[in-house]
Amino acid sequence: MPAIWIDAILRPKAASLLLLVGLCGPAMAQQASLAVLRPEAMEPAPFVQPAGPMILPDARNHRFWDRKNSFLFATTAALSTADFLATRENLRNGGRELNPVTRVFGTGSAGLAVNFAGETIAVIGVGYLFHKTGHHKLERAVTILNIGASTTAVTFDVVHH
């Protein structure tokens, strides 16, 4: 019996980890060209004083609360609410919380609400951190990954209700 609940926890987490590694792979890859090995490419470039502040292209320079992020964060909040309601209902009917972190807070409705609200705030905070450091793909990937995990949790709760 213990292998079943461990498998239920680890399988979605492994898939999420593989997705995250797949999204981060291009960012971690070193892209070098053989053109840099030519002698003229090895000479230092002349120093040019920038005329003004550097501005990123429009595709990468976006407001944090743009339409896409607002939609993703609203979806995250809605799924966290659904996860809270489904988890609370299962616990009231004699079910057991499988997530060890949520289990710490899962002694009552208030604890569960704090857990799921904190999860939503943490996702937005991590997205903001990635936004400020210029990692705009990761900014949205974190939210999408959380949406997938919450959808899986809600589906599991509803099926096992």
Protein backbone atom coordinates (compact mmCIF):
# COMPACT_ATOMS: atom_id res chain seq x y z
CA MET A 1 0.00 0.00 0.00
CA PRO A 2 2.76 2.59 0.74
CA ALA A 3 4.09 2.26 -2.80
CA ILE A 4 0.76 3.45 -4.24
CA TRP A 5 0.64 6.86 -2.55
CA ILE A 6 4.38 7.43 -3.04
CA ASP A 7 3.90 6.63 -6.72
CA ALA A 8 0.94 9.04 -6.87
CA ILE A 9 3.13 11.83 -5.47
CA LEU A 10 6.34 11.16 -7.36
CA ARG A 11 4.95 10.52 -10.85
CA PRO A 12 3.52 14.06 -11.38
CA LYS A 13 6.58 15.62 -9.74
CA ALA A 14 8.93 13.68 -12.03
CA ALA A 15 6.95 14.78 -15.09
CA SER A 16 7.02 18.38 -13.83
CA LEU A 17 10.77 18.19 -13.25
CA LEU A 18 11.35 16.82 -16.75
CA LEU A 19 9.23 19.63 -18.21
CA LEU A 20 11.16 22.26 -16.26
CA VAL A 21 14.53 20.79 -17.30
CA GLY A 22 13.32 20.71 -20.91
CA LEU A 23 12.35 24.38 -20.73
CA CYS A 24 15.62 25.35 -19.06
CA GLY A 25 17.87 23.31 -21.37
CA PRO A 26 18.27 25.98 -24.06
CA ALA A 27 18.96 28.61 -21.42
CA MET A 28 21.79 26.54 -19.93
CA ALA A 29 23.31 25.47 -23.26
CA GLN A 30 26.48 27.13 -24.41
CA GLN A 31 26.09 28.20 -27.98
CA ALA A 32 29.47 28.73 -29.60
CA SER A 33 30.31 29.17 -33.23
CA LEU A 34 33.48 28.18 -35.04
CA ALA A 35 33.58 31.73 -36.39
CA VAL A 36 35.04 32.92 -33.08
CA LEU A 37 38.16 30.83 -33.72
CA ARG A 38 39.24 33.01 -36.69
CA PRO A 39 42.12 35.37 -35.83
CA GLU A 40 40.18 38.55 -36.69
CA ALA A 41 37.42 37.48 -34.32
CA MET A 42 39.93 37.24 -31.45
CA GLU A 43 40.88 40.92 -31.57
CA PRO A 44 39.21 43.05 -28.92
CA ALA A 45 36.29 45.11 -30.08
CA PRO A 46 36.69 48.88 -29.90
CA PHE A 47 35.05 50.46 -26.89
CA VAL A 48 31.87 52.28 -27.78
CA GLN A 49 30.18 54.54 -25.25
CA PRO A 50 26.44 53.80 -25.15
CA ALA A 51 24.30 56.80 -26.09
CA GLY A 52 21.61 56.18 -23.50
CA PRO A 53 19.98 53.50 -21.39
CA MET A 54 19.77 50.08 -22.97
CA ILE A 55 16.24 49.09 -23.94
CA LEU A 56 15.33 45.50 -24.68
CA PRO A 57 13.32 44.68 -27.80
CA ASP A 58 9.54 44.87 -27.40
CA ALA A 59 9.16 41.06 -27.39
CA ARG A 60 11.16 40.78 -24.18
CA ASN A 61 10.38 44.14 -22.58
CA HIS A 62 6.89 43.77 -21.18
CA ARG A 63 5.08 44.84 -18.06
CA PHE A 64 4.81 42.21 -15.35
CA TRP A 65 1.02 42.56 -15.08
CA ASP A 66 0.41 42.27 -18.82
CA ARG A 67 -2.56 40.40 -20.28
CA LYS A 68 -0.81 36.99 -20.44
CA ASN A 69 0.47 37.09 -16.87
CA SER A 70 -2.86 38.38 -15.57
CA PHE A 71 -4.60 35.43 -17.23
CA LEU A 72 -2.01 32.94 -15.94
CA PHE A 73 -2.19 34.30 -12.38
CA ALA A 74 -6.00 34.32 -12.41
CA THR A 75 -5.95 30.69 -13.59
CA THR A 76 -3.44 29.82 -10.84
CA ALA A 77 -5.66 31.43 -8.20
CA ALA A 78 -8.79 29.70 -9.53
CA LEU A 79 -7.11 26.28 -9.56
CA SER A 80 -5.67 26.83 -6.07
CA THR A 81 -9.19 27.63 -4.87
CA ALA A 82 -10.55 24.51 -6.56
CA ASP A 83 -7.72 22.44 -5.05
CA PHE A 84 -8.51 23.87 -1.60
CA LEU A 85 -12.21 23.05 -1.92
CA ALA A 86 -11.62 19.51 -3.26
CA THR A 87 -8.95 18.74 -0.65
CA ARG A 88 -11.09 20.08 2.20
CA GLU A 89 -14.07 18.00 1.03
CA ASN A 90 -11.96 14.84 0.78
CA LEU A 91 -10.49 15.39 4.24
CA ARG A 92 -13.98 15.90 5.70
CA ASN A 93 -15.08 12.57 4.17
CA GLY A 94 -12.22 10.64 5.77
CA GLY A 95 -9.63 11.06 3.04
CA ARG A 96 -5.94 11.65 3.63
CA GLU A 97 -3.67 14.41 2.33
CA LEU A 98 -0.88 12.97 0.17
CA ASN A 99 1.27 16.09 -0.09
CA PRO A 100 3.57 16.16 2.97
CA VAL A 101 3.84 19.98 2.95
CA THR A 102 0.08 20.47 2.79
CA ARG A 103 -0.38 17.74 5.41
CA VAL A 104 1.37 20.00 7.93
CA PHE A 105 -1.25 22.71 7.34
CA GLY A 106 -4.14 20.32 6.70
CA THR A 107 -5.50 20.10 10.24
CA GLY A 108 -8.33 22.52 9.47
CA SER A 109 -9.88 24.72 6.82
CA ALA A 110 -7.91 27.78 7.92
CA GLY A 111 -4.60 25.93 7.62
CA LEU A 112 -5.49 24.63 4.17
CA ALA A 113 -6.54 28.12 3.06
CA VAL A 114 -3.20 29.54 4.26
CA ASN A 115 -1.33 26.77 2.41
CA PHE A 116 -3.08 27.30 -0.93
CA ALA A 117 -3.01 31.12 -0.68
CA GLY A 118 0.71 30.94 0.12
CA GLU A 119 1.27 28.68 -2.86
CA THR A 120 -0.43 31.19 -5.16
CA ILE A 121 1.53 34.12 -3.71
CA ALA A 122 4.79 32.16 -4.02
CA VAL A 123 4.13 31.40 -7.71
CA ILE A 124 3.50 35.09 -8.43
CA GLY A 125 6.60 36.05 -6.40
CA VAL A 126 8.88 33.62 -8.22
CA GLY A 127 7.45 34.83 -11.54
CA TYR A 128 8.20 38.43 -10.51
CA LEU A 129 11.76 37.48 -9.55
CA PHE A 130 12.30 35.89 -12.96
CA HIS A 131 10.72 38.94 -14.63
CA LYS A 132 13.05 41.36 -12.85
CA THR A 133 16.13 39.29 -13.73
CA GLY A 134 15.15 39.13 -17.42
CA HIS A 135 14.13 35.45 -17.52
CA HIS A 136 10.79 36.06 -19.21
CA LYS A 137 10.28 32.49 -20.47
CA LEU A 138 10.88 31.11 -16.97
CA GLU A 139 8.59 33.81 -15.56
CA ARG A 140 5.67 32.24 -17.40
CA ALA A 141 6.94 28.64 -17.23
CA VAL A 142 6.73 28.63 -13.42
CA THR A 143 3.08 29.69 -13.56
CA ILE A 144 2.23 27.18 -16.30
CA LEU A 145 3.96 24.41 -14.34
CA ASN A 146 1.92 25.29 -11.24
CA ILE A 147 -1.28 25.31 -13.30
CA GLY A 148 -0.46 21.79 -14.50
CA ALA A 149 0.28 20.57 -10.99
CA SER A 150 -2.90 22.11 -9.58
CA THR A 151 -4.99 20.67 -12.41
CA THR A 152 -3.53 17.24 -11.67
CA ALA A 153 -4.27 17.61 -7.95
CA VAL A 154 -7.85 18.76 -8.53
CA THR A 155 -8.47 15.91 -10.98
CA PHE A 156 -7.02 13.40 -8.52
CA ASP A 157 -9.18 14.79 -5.69
CA VAL A 158 -12.35 14.70 -7.78
CA VAL A 159 -11.73 11.18 -9.07
CA HIS A 160 -10.98 9.84 -5.57
CA HIS A 161 -13.86 11.68 -3.88
